[in-house]
Protein backbone atom coordinates (compact mmCIF):
# COMPACT_ATOMS: atom_id res chain seq x y z
CA MET A 1 12.50 22.14 1.47
CA GLU A 2 10.46 24.19 -0.97
CA HIS A 3 7.00 23.07 0.36
CA ASP A 4 5.88 22.08 3.86
CA PHE A 5 3.17 19.77 2.64
CA LEU A 6 3.22 17.86 -0.60
CA ILE A 7 -0.07 16.11 -1.29
CA ILE A 8 -0.38 13.41 -4.09
CA GLY A 9 -3.83 13.13 -5.51
CA GLY A 10 -6.31 15.72 -6.39
CA GLY A 11 -9.42 14.12 -5.35
CA ILE A 12 -11.74 15.11 -2.40
CA ALA A 13 -9.46 13.78 0.21
CA GLY A 14 -6.30 15.37 -1.00
CA VAL A 15 -7.91 18.80 -1.91
CA SER A 16 -9.74 19.08 1.42
CA ALA A 17 -6.75 18.35 3.38
CA ALA A 18 -4.77 20.70 1.28
CA ALA A 19 -7.22 23.49 2.30
CA ARG A 20 -6.87 22.71 5.89
CA LEU A 21 -3.13 22.74 5.81
CA ALA A 22 -2.69 25.84 3.51
CA GLU A 23 -2.84 28.37 6.31
CA PHE A 24 -0.06 26.68 8.30
CA GLY A 25 2.44 26.25 5.70
CA LYS A 26 3.23 26.05 1.86
CA VAL A 27 1.12 23.39 0.15
CA LEU A 28 1.43 21.73 -3.05
CA VAL A 29 -1.24 19.33 -4.66
CA LEU A 30 0.02 17.02 -7.47
CA GLU A 31 -2.86 15.48 -9.73
CA ALA A 32 -1.84 13.03 -12.45
CA GLU A 33 -4.77 13.82 -14.58
CA GLY A 34 -5.81 16.96 -16.52
CA ALA A 35 -8.37 17.94 -13.92
CA LEU A 36 -9.11 17.44 -10.16
CA ALA A 37 -11.53 14.71 -9.14
CA HIS A 38 -10.93 12.77 -12.31
CA HIS A 39 -11.27 9.33 -10.94
CA ALA A 40 -13.36 8.08 -7.95
CA SER A 41 -14.35 11.65 -6.54
CA GLY A 42 -15.51 12.50 -10.06
CA ARG A 43 -17.72 9.51 -10.41
CA SER A 44 -19.31 9.51 -6.90
CA ALA A 45 -23.02 8.98 -6.33
CA ALA A 46 -22.60 12.41 -4.25
CA LEU A 47 -24.92 11.42 -1.47
CA PHE A 48 -24.47 12.41 2.17
CA GLU A 49 -25.97 9.59 4.26
CA PRO A 50 -24.07 9.45 7.48
CA ARG A 51 -25.46 5.96 8.71
CA TYR A 52 -24.06 4.27 5.76
CA GLY A 53 -20.92 2.14 6.41
CA LEU A 54 -19.07 0.44 9.27
CA PRO A 55 -19.17 1.96 12.69
CA ALA A 56 -15.83 3.96 12.38
CA VAL A 57 -17.03 5.34 8.78
CA VAL A 58 -20.48 6.34 10.33
CA GLU A 59 -18.76 8.00 13.16
CA LEU A 60 -16.63 9.98 10.88
CA SER A 61 -19.44 10.80 8.77
CA LEU A 62 -21.58 12.03 11.70
CA ALA A 63 -18.52 14.29 12.73
CA SER A 64 -18.70 15.82 9.35
CA GLU A 65 -22.32 16.84 9.45
CA PRO A 66 -21.94 20.18 11.30
CA GLU A 67 -19.44 21.49 8.66
CA PHE A 68 -21.82 20.51 5.77
CA ARG A 69 -24.74 22.10 7.43
CA ALA A 70 -22.70 25.41 7.88
CA ALA A 71 -21.58 25.57 4.21
CA ALA A 72 -24.19 27.35 2.22
CA GLY A 73 -25.56 25.36 -0.94
CA VAL A 74 -23.36 22.31 -0.44
CA LEU A 75 -26.41 19.87 0.74
CA SER A 76 -29.85 19.65 -0.72
CA PRO A 77 -32.64 17.27 0.44
CA ARG A 78 -32.66 13.98 -1.23
CA GLY A 79 -33.94 11.09 1.19
CA MET A 80 -33.43 7.45 0.70
CA MET A 81 -35.45 4.29 0.29
CA ILE A 82 -34.97 0.60 0.30
CA LEU A 83 -37.04 -1.83 -1.59
CA GLY A 84 -37.26 -5.56 -1.32
CA ARG A 85 -39.21 -8.74 -2.51
CA ALA A 86 -41.14 -10.89 0.12
CA ASP A 87 -38.15 -13.53 0.18
CA GLN A 88 -35.82 -10.59 1.13
CA GLU A 89 -37.16 -9.86 4.54
CA GLU A 90 -34.29 -10.73 6.67
CA ILE A 91 -31.70 -8.68 4.54
CA PHE A 92 -34.21 -5.92 4.34
CA ALA A 93 -34.54 -5.76 8.04
CA ARG A 94 -30.77 -5.64 8.53
CA ASP A 95 -30.64 -2.68 5.94
CA VAL A 96 -33.55 -0.90 7.82
CA ALA A 97 -31.90 -1.22 11.15
CA ALA A 98 -28.26 -0.28 10.14
CA MET A 99 -29.36 2.84 8.27
CA GLY A 100 -32.18 3.95 10.56
CA LEU A 101 -35.09 3.86 8.01
CA GLU A 102 -38.78 3.70 8.79
CA PRO A 103 -40.82 0.80 7.12
CA VAL A 104 -43.51 2.22 4.86
CA SER A 105 -46.46 0.48 2.86
CA VAL A 106 -45.62 -0.17 -0.83
CA GLU A 107 -48.59 2.27 -1.55
CA ALA A 108 -46.59 4.95 0.43
CA ALA A 109 -43.51 4.25 -1.42
CA ARG A 110 -45.20 4.41 -4.93
CA ALA A 111 -46.65 7.80 -3.78
CA MET A 112 -42.92 8.97 -3.86
CA VAL A 113 -41.83 6.88 -6.77
CA PRO A 114 -44.99 5.87 -9.03
CA VAL A 115 -42.99 3.49 -11.07
CA ILE A 116 -42.45 0.92 -8.17
CA ASN A 117 -44.04 -2.40 -9.21
CA PRO A 118 -46.30 -3.50 -6.53
CA GLN A 119 -46.43 -7.09 -8.07
CA VAL A 120 -42.86 -7.68 -7.10
CA VAL A 121 -41.99 -5.15 -4.34
CA ALA A 122 -43.34 -6.24 -0.91
CA LEU A 123 -41.12 -4.39 1.42
CA ALA A 124 -40.28 -0.67 1.52
CA ALA A 125 -38.64 1.83 3.92
CA HIS A 126 -37.86 5.41 3.82
CA ALA A 127 -35.89 8.21 5.56
CA ASP A 128 -35.19 11.80 5.15
CA HIS A 129 -31.70 11.71 6.50
CA ALA A 130 -29.92 11.69 3.14
CA TRP A 131 -28.86 14.78 1.21
CA ASP A 132 -27.23 15.34 -2.29
CA ILE A 133 -23.75 16.96 -2.03
CA ASP A 134 -22.84 19.58 -4.64
CA THR A 135 -19.35 17.96 -5.23
CA ASP A 136 -17.96 20.64 -7.63
CA LEU A 137 -18.84 23.38 -5.29
CA LEU A 138 -17.13 21.56 -2.54
CA LEU A 139 -13.98 20.89 -4.68
CA GLN A 140 -13.65 24.21 -6.06
CA GLY A 141 -14.19 25.84 -2.64
CA HIS A 142 -11.19 23.91 -1.26
CA ALA A 143 -8.96 24.46 -4.25
CA ARG A 144 -9.70 28.14 -3.95
CA ARG A 145 -8.69 28.07 -0.34
CA VAL A 146 -5.53 26.40 -1.25
CA LYS A 147 -4.57 29.02 -3.89
CA ALA A 148 -5.59 32.09 -1.70
CA SER A 149 -3.02 30.78 0.81
CA ASP A 150 -0.28 30.79 -1.70
CA GLY A 151 -0.57 27.00 -2.14
CA GLN A 152 -0.37 25.29 -5.71
CA VAL A 153 -2.42 22.82 -7.36
CA ILE A 154 -0.70 21.39 -10.39
CA THR A 155 -2.63 18.94 -12.90
CA ASP A 156 -0.98 16.68 -15.50
CA ALA A 157 1.69 16.00 -12.88
CA ARG A 158 1.94 12.29 -12.81
CA VAL A 159 4.46 11.18 -10.34
CA THR A 160 7.34 9.17 -11.86
CA ALA A 161 9.75 8.80 -8.69
CA ILE A 162 9.96 9.61 -5.04
CA ASP A 163 13.27 9.86 -3.22
CA ARG A 164 14.02 10.34 0.48
CA LEU A 165 16.09 13.33 1.22
CA PRO A 166 17.39 14.45 4.52
CA GLY A 167 14.44 16.16 6.25
CA GLY A 168 11.98 15.48 3.61
CA TRP A 169 11.18 14.12 0.10
CA ARG A 170 11.86 14.76 -3.54
CA VAL A 171 9.03 14.00 -5.99
CA SER A 172 9.60 13.79 -9.75
CA THR A 173 6.76 14.44 -12.28
CA GLY A 174 6.42 15.41 -15.95
CA LYS A 175 6.21 18.88 -14.95
CA GLY A 176 9.40 18.91 -12.81
CA GLU A 177 10.79 17.94 -9.36
CA PHE A 178 9.14 19.32 -6.08
CA THR A 179 10.53 18.93 -2.39
CA ALA A 180 8.57 18.99 0.87
CA ARG A 181 8.95 18.17 4.56
CA VAL A 182 5.97 15.93 4.71
CA LEU A 183 4.50 13.81 1.93
CA VAL A 184 0.69 13.25 2.19
CA ASN A 185 -0.46 9.99 0.16
CA ALA A 186 -4.04 10.71 -1.05
CA ALA A 187 -3.57 8.95 -4.47
CA GLY A 188 -6.92 6.95 -4.22
CA ALA A 189 -6.46 3.63 -6.13
CA TRP A 190 -2.84 4.22 -6.50
CA VAL A 191 -2.07 4.73 -2.73
CA ASP A 192 0.03 1.51 -2.55
CA VAL A 193 1.71 2.13 -5.75
CA VAL A 194 2.86 5.75 -4.38
CA ALA A 195 3.94 4.10 -1.09
CA GLU A 196 6.17 1.60 -3.01
CA MET A 197 7.72 4.53 -4.98
CA ALA A 198 8.55 6.33 -1.69
CA GLY A 199 10.09 3.04 -0.30
CA VAL A 200 7.23 2.67 2.32
CA GLN A 201 5.56 -0.65 3.10
CA PRO A 202 2.08 -0.79 1.13
CA LEU A 203 -0.84 -1.57 3.30
CA GLY A 204 -2.85 -3.89 0.99
CA PHE A 205 -5.53 -1.63 -0.51
CA THR A 206 -7.93 -2.84 -3.05
CA PRO A 207 -9.49 -0.85 -5.88
CA LEU A 208 -13.01 -2.19 -6.53
CA ARG A 209 -14.92 -1.33 -9.69
CA ARG A 210 -18.49 0.12 -9.55
CA SER A 211 -20.28 0.67 -12.95
CA MET A 212 -23.01 3.34 -13.51
CA ALA A 213 -25.68 3.98 -16.35
CA ARG A 214 -27.65 7.08 -16.84
CA ILE A 215 -31.04 6.50 -18.11
CA PRO A 216 -33.82 8.54 -19.22
CA ALA A 217 -36.37 9.48 -16.53
CA PRO A 218 -38.69 6.39 -16.36
CA GLY A 219 -42.02 6.94 -17.91
CA GLY A 220 -41.15 10.60 -18.53
CA HIS A 221 -41.85 11.32 -14.96
CA ASP A 222 -40.28 14.30 -13.03
CA VAL A 223 -37.69 12.42 -10.87
CA SER A 224 -36.36 15.47 -9.15
CA ARG A 225 -37.86 14.81 -5.95
CA TRP A 226 -37.45 11.08 -6.06
CA PRO A 227 -35.27 9.71 -3.24
CA MET A 228 -32.15 7.57 -3.74
CA ILE A 229 -33.35 3.95 -3.99
CA PHE A 230 -31.50 0.82 -2.91
CA GLY A 231 -32.34 -2.76 -3.43
CA ALA A 232 -32.24 -4.69 -0.27
CA GLY A 233 -28.78 -5.79 0.33
CA GLU A 234 -27.38 -3.09 -1.98
CA THR A 235 -27.71 -5.28 -5.05
CA TRP A 236 -28.44 -2.08 -7.03
CA TYR A 237 -29.20 1.49 -6.53
CA ALA A 238 -30.84 4.38 -8.43
CA LYS A 239 -30.67 8.30 -7.98
CA PRO A 240 -32.05 11.27 -9.74
CA ASP A 241 -29.35 13.08 -11.75
CA ALA A 242 -30.03 16.28 -13.94
CA GLY A 243 -33.51 15.14 -14.99
CA ALA A 244 -32.48 11.50 -15.61
CA LEU A 245 -31.76 8.50 -13.45
CA ILE A 246 -28.42 6.93 -12.66
CA VAL A 247 -28.66 3.18 -12.00
CA SER A 248 -25.68 1.15 -10.54
CA PRO A 249 -25.45 -2.71 -10.23
CA ALA A 250 -23.51 -1.73 -7.18
CA GLU A 251 -20.72 -4.34 -7.98
CA GLU A 252 -17.35 -4.64 -6.28
CA HIS A 253 -15.00 -6.26 -8.62
CA ALA A 254 -11.25 -6.19 -7.68
CA MET A 255 -9.15 -4.13 -10.14
CA ASP A 256 -5.65 -2.96 -10.69
CA PRO A 257 -5.47 0.75 -10.59
CA HIS A 258 -6.51 2.19 -13.89
CA ASP A 259 -9.01 4.75 -15.48
CA ALA A 260 -12.12 2.35 -15.14
CA TRP A 261 -14.82 1.80 -17.50
CA ALA A 262 -18.23 -0.04 -17.06
CA ASP A 263 -18.44 -3.78 -17.78
CA ASP A 264 -21.42 -4.20 -20.22
CA MET A 265 -22.63 -7.54 -18.80
CA VAL A 266 -22.42 -6.53 -15.18
CA LEU A 267 -24.23 -3.41 -16.07
CA ALA A 268 -27.01 -5.29 -17.84
CA GLU A 269 -27.34 -7.67 -14.99
CA GLY A 270 -27.78 -4.66 -12.53
CA LEU A 271 -30.28 -2.90 -14.86
CA ALA A 272 -32.26 -6.16 -14.82
CA ARG A 273 -32.40 -6.25 -11.13
CA TYR A 274 -33.57 -2.58 -11.07
CA GLU A 275 -36.01 -3.30 -13.72
CA GLU A 276 -37.56 -6.29 -11.83
CA MET A 277 -38.83 -3.86 -9.19
CA MET A 278 -40.22 -1.14 -11.50
CA THR A 279 -43.05 -0.78 -13.86
CA GLU A 280 -41.11 0.89 -16.66
CA PRO A 281 -38.35 -0.98 -18.59
CA VAL A 282 -34.94 0.46 -19.53
CA THR A 283 -35.21 1.13 -23.31
CA ARG A 284 -31.97 3.06 -23.78
CA LEU A 285 -28.83 4.38 -22.02
CA LEU A 286 -27.73 7.95 -22.12
CA ALA A 287 -24.42 7.16 -20.82
CA ASN A 288 -22.33 4.71 -18.76
CA TRP A 289 -19.06 4.85 -16.84
CA ALA A 290 -17.26 3.18 -13.84
CA GLY A 291 -15.08 4.20 -11.00
CA LEU A 292 -12.85 2.38 -8.47
CA ARG A 293 -13.55 2.51 -4.87
CA THR A 294 -10.57 1.77 -2.89
CA PHE A 295 -10.71 -0.04 0.53
CA SER A 296 -8.22 -0.99 3.14
CA PRO A 297 -8.00 -4.63 4.23
CA ASP A 298 -10.66 -3.98 6.95
CA ARG A 299 -12.79 -1.65 4.69
CA VAL A 300 -12.26 1.47 6.99
CA LEU A 301 -10.22 4.66 5.97
CA VAL A 302 -6.58 4.90 6.76
CA ILE A 303 -5.51 8.39 8.29
CA GLY A 304 -2.26 8.80 10.17
CA PRO A 305 1.46 8.80 9.67
CA ASP A 306 3.18 5.70 8.55
CA VAL A 307 4.28 3.40 11.42
CA ARG A 308 7.90 3.50 10.15
CA GLN A 309 8.25 6.68 8.32
CA ALA A 310 6.60 9.56 10.15
CA ASP A 311 6.85 12.14 7.49
CA PHE A 312 4.72 9.99 5.20
CA PHE A 313 1.14 10.34 5.94
CA TRP A 314 -1.61 8.11 4.63
CA LEU A 315 -5.03 9.57 3.66
CA ALA A 316 -6.42 6.61 1.88
CA GLY A 317 -9.07 3.94 1.77
CA GLN A 318 -11.99 6.21 1.41
CA GLY A 319 -14.06 3.62 -0.40
CA GLY A 320 -17.50 4.84 -1.20
CA TYR A 321 -17.28 7.43 1.69
CA GLY A 322 -14.79 9.98 0.45
CA PHE A 323 -17.12 13.09 0.13
CA GLN A 324 -19.39 12.36 3.03
CA THR A 325 -16.50 12.04 5.47
CA SER A 326 -14.34 14.71 4.03
CA PRO A 327 -14.84 17.36 6.60
CA ALA A 328 -13.91 15.27 9.58
CA ALA A 329 -11.05 13.22 7.72
CA SER A 330 -9.42 16.39 6.49
CA ARG A 331 -9.73 17.87 9.99
CA LEU A 332 -8.19 14.92 11.51
CA ALA A 333 -5.28 14.66 8.97
CA ALA A 334 -4.47 18.32 9.63
CA ASP A 335 -4.60 17.87 13.37
CA LEU A 336 -2.22 14.72 13.13
CA ILE A 337 0.13 16.37 10.57
CA LEU A 338 0.46 19.58 12.67
CA GLY A 339 0.76 17.89 16.07
CA ARG A 340 -2.42 19.09 17.41
CA ALA A 341 -4.93 17.09 19.61
CA PRO A 342 -7.57 15.68 17.36
CA GLU A 343 -11.14 16.92 17.83
CA VAL A 344 -12.54 13.46 17.17
CA PRO A 345 -12.43 10.82 20.20
CA GLY A 346 -9.02 8.85 20.63
CA SER A 347 -11.02 5.66 20.03
CA LEU A 348 -11.82 6.80 16.38
CA VAL A 349 -8.22 8.16 15.77
CA ALA A 350 -7.10 4.58 16.82
CA ALA A 351 -9.68 2.96 14.49
CA LEU A 352 -8.39 4.89 11.42
CA SER A 353 -4.65 4.74 12.05
CA PRO A 354 -2.25 2.77 9.91
CA VAL A 355 -0.81 1.33 13.22
CA ARG A 356 -3.61 -1.11 13.25
CA PHE A 357 -1.94 -2.89 10.41
CA GLY A 358 1.41 -3.40 12.22
């Protein structure tokens, strides 16, 4: 075989796994678009908040923290805040407990974010344990590691066919045919499509659209030190971004895999929920976009060899947690592919394994 490991998908999952594997064999990453991280990875809110998600996701995120800390410049302080109305006390309390936040007074919240509307907001909580991720620094660092080990990253290489060969796989693209011993499916919203092309049983992943808008800094404020802000129950969120604010309705609308775009009505409804809790109205948009966050049936990542086809490896279902879980997820993927004992507990390996779907 021409390669040891062929990875389909050039988002954070595929590129980080490629960087792990590159020192142990010849690696090829195939990306359908003209640049890495074109889809979900390139449209991420880029926050490391390790207590965000279901228990297995949280455990994977916490296992990723030491590596993030050791990487110069990848994390920078952000913090997070949750706001609620008086009638949202129950759901607000659940959010605070789940994410380990500390309740603060509305006055204290306004000291951090002066545009919070005290006539509407009755509940606030805050924590420092959230950090911005320099996603480009992370991605390009992984890509350099792949190339430094004589691996390849090929863009504009949409997969058109996958064939089983004795001892491996042949993958056909517009840029030629490639063979490898192990096929890693890190294709984001297209993971089930790739599985079907390879003759592997799909697992039932669902791509969910999430829309975003960039708005001018409210009231001309310097937003650079504002925390990421969530509405109770994650009915919207807002985050500083290059001197402006990105606001999302935090919707989850099932979609077929495609290059997603924002839904104007959904975006308007989400901006209205954000505006309700702020003193400054949204007067214009600087830009808008959408991405597909892809989930497995139980909303937990899938990392492991296929139950029936051991040289077809799933690295899928990152949902909204791809960047913040990538250090531990890529390490686990490499451990399993290389036949090493995983560093994470066996209970977590089982929780992430495709075996759970039969």
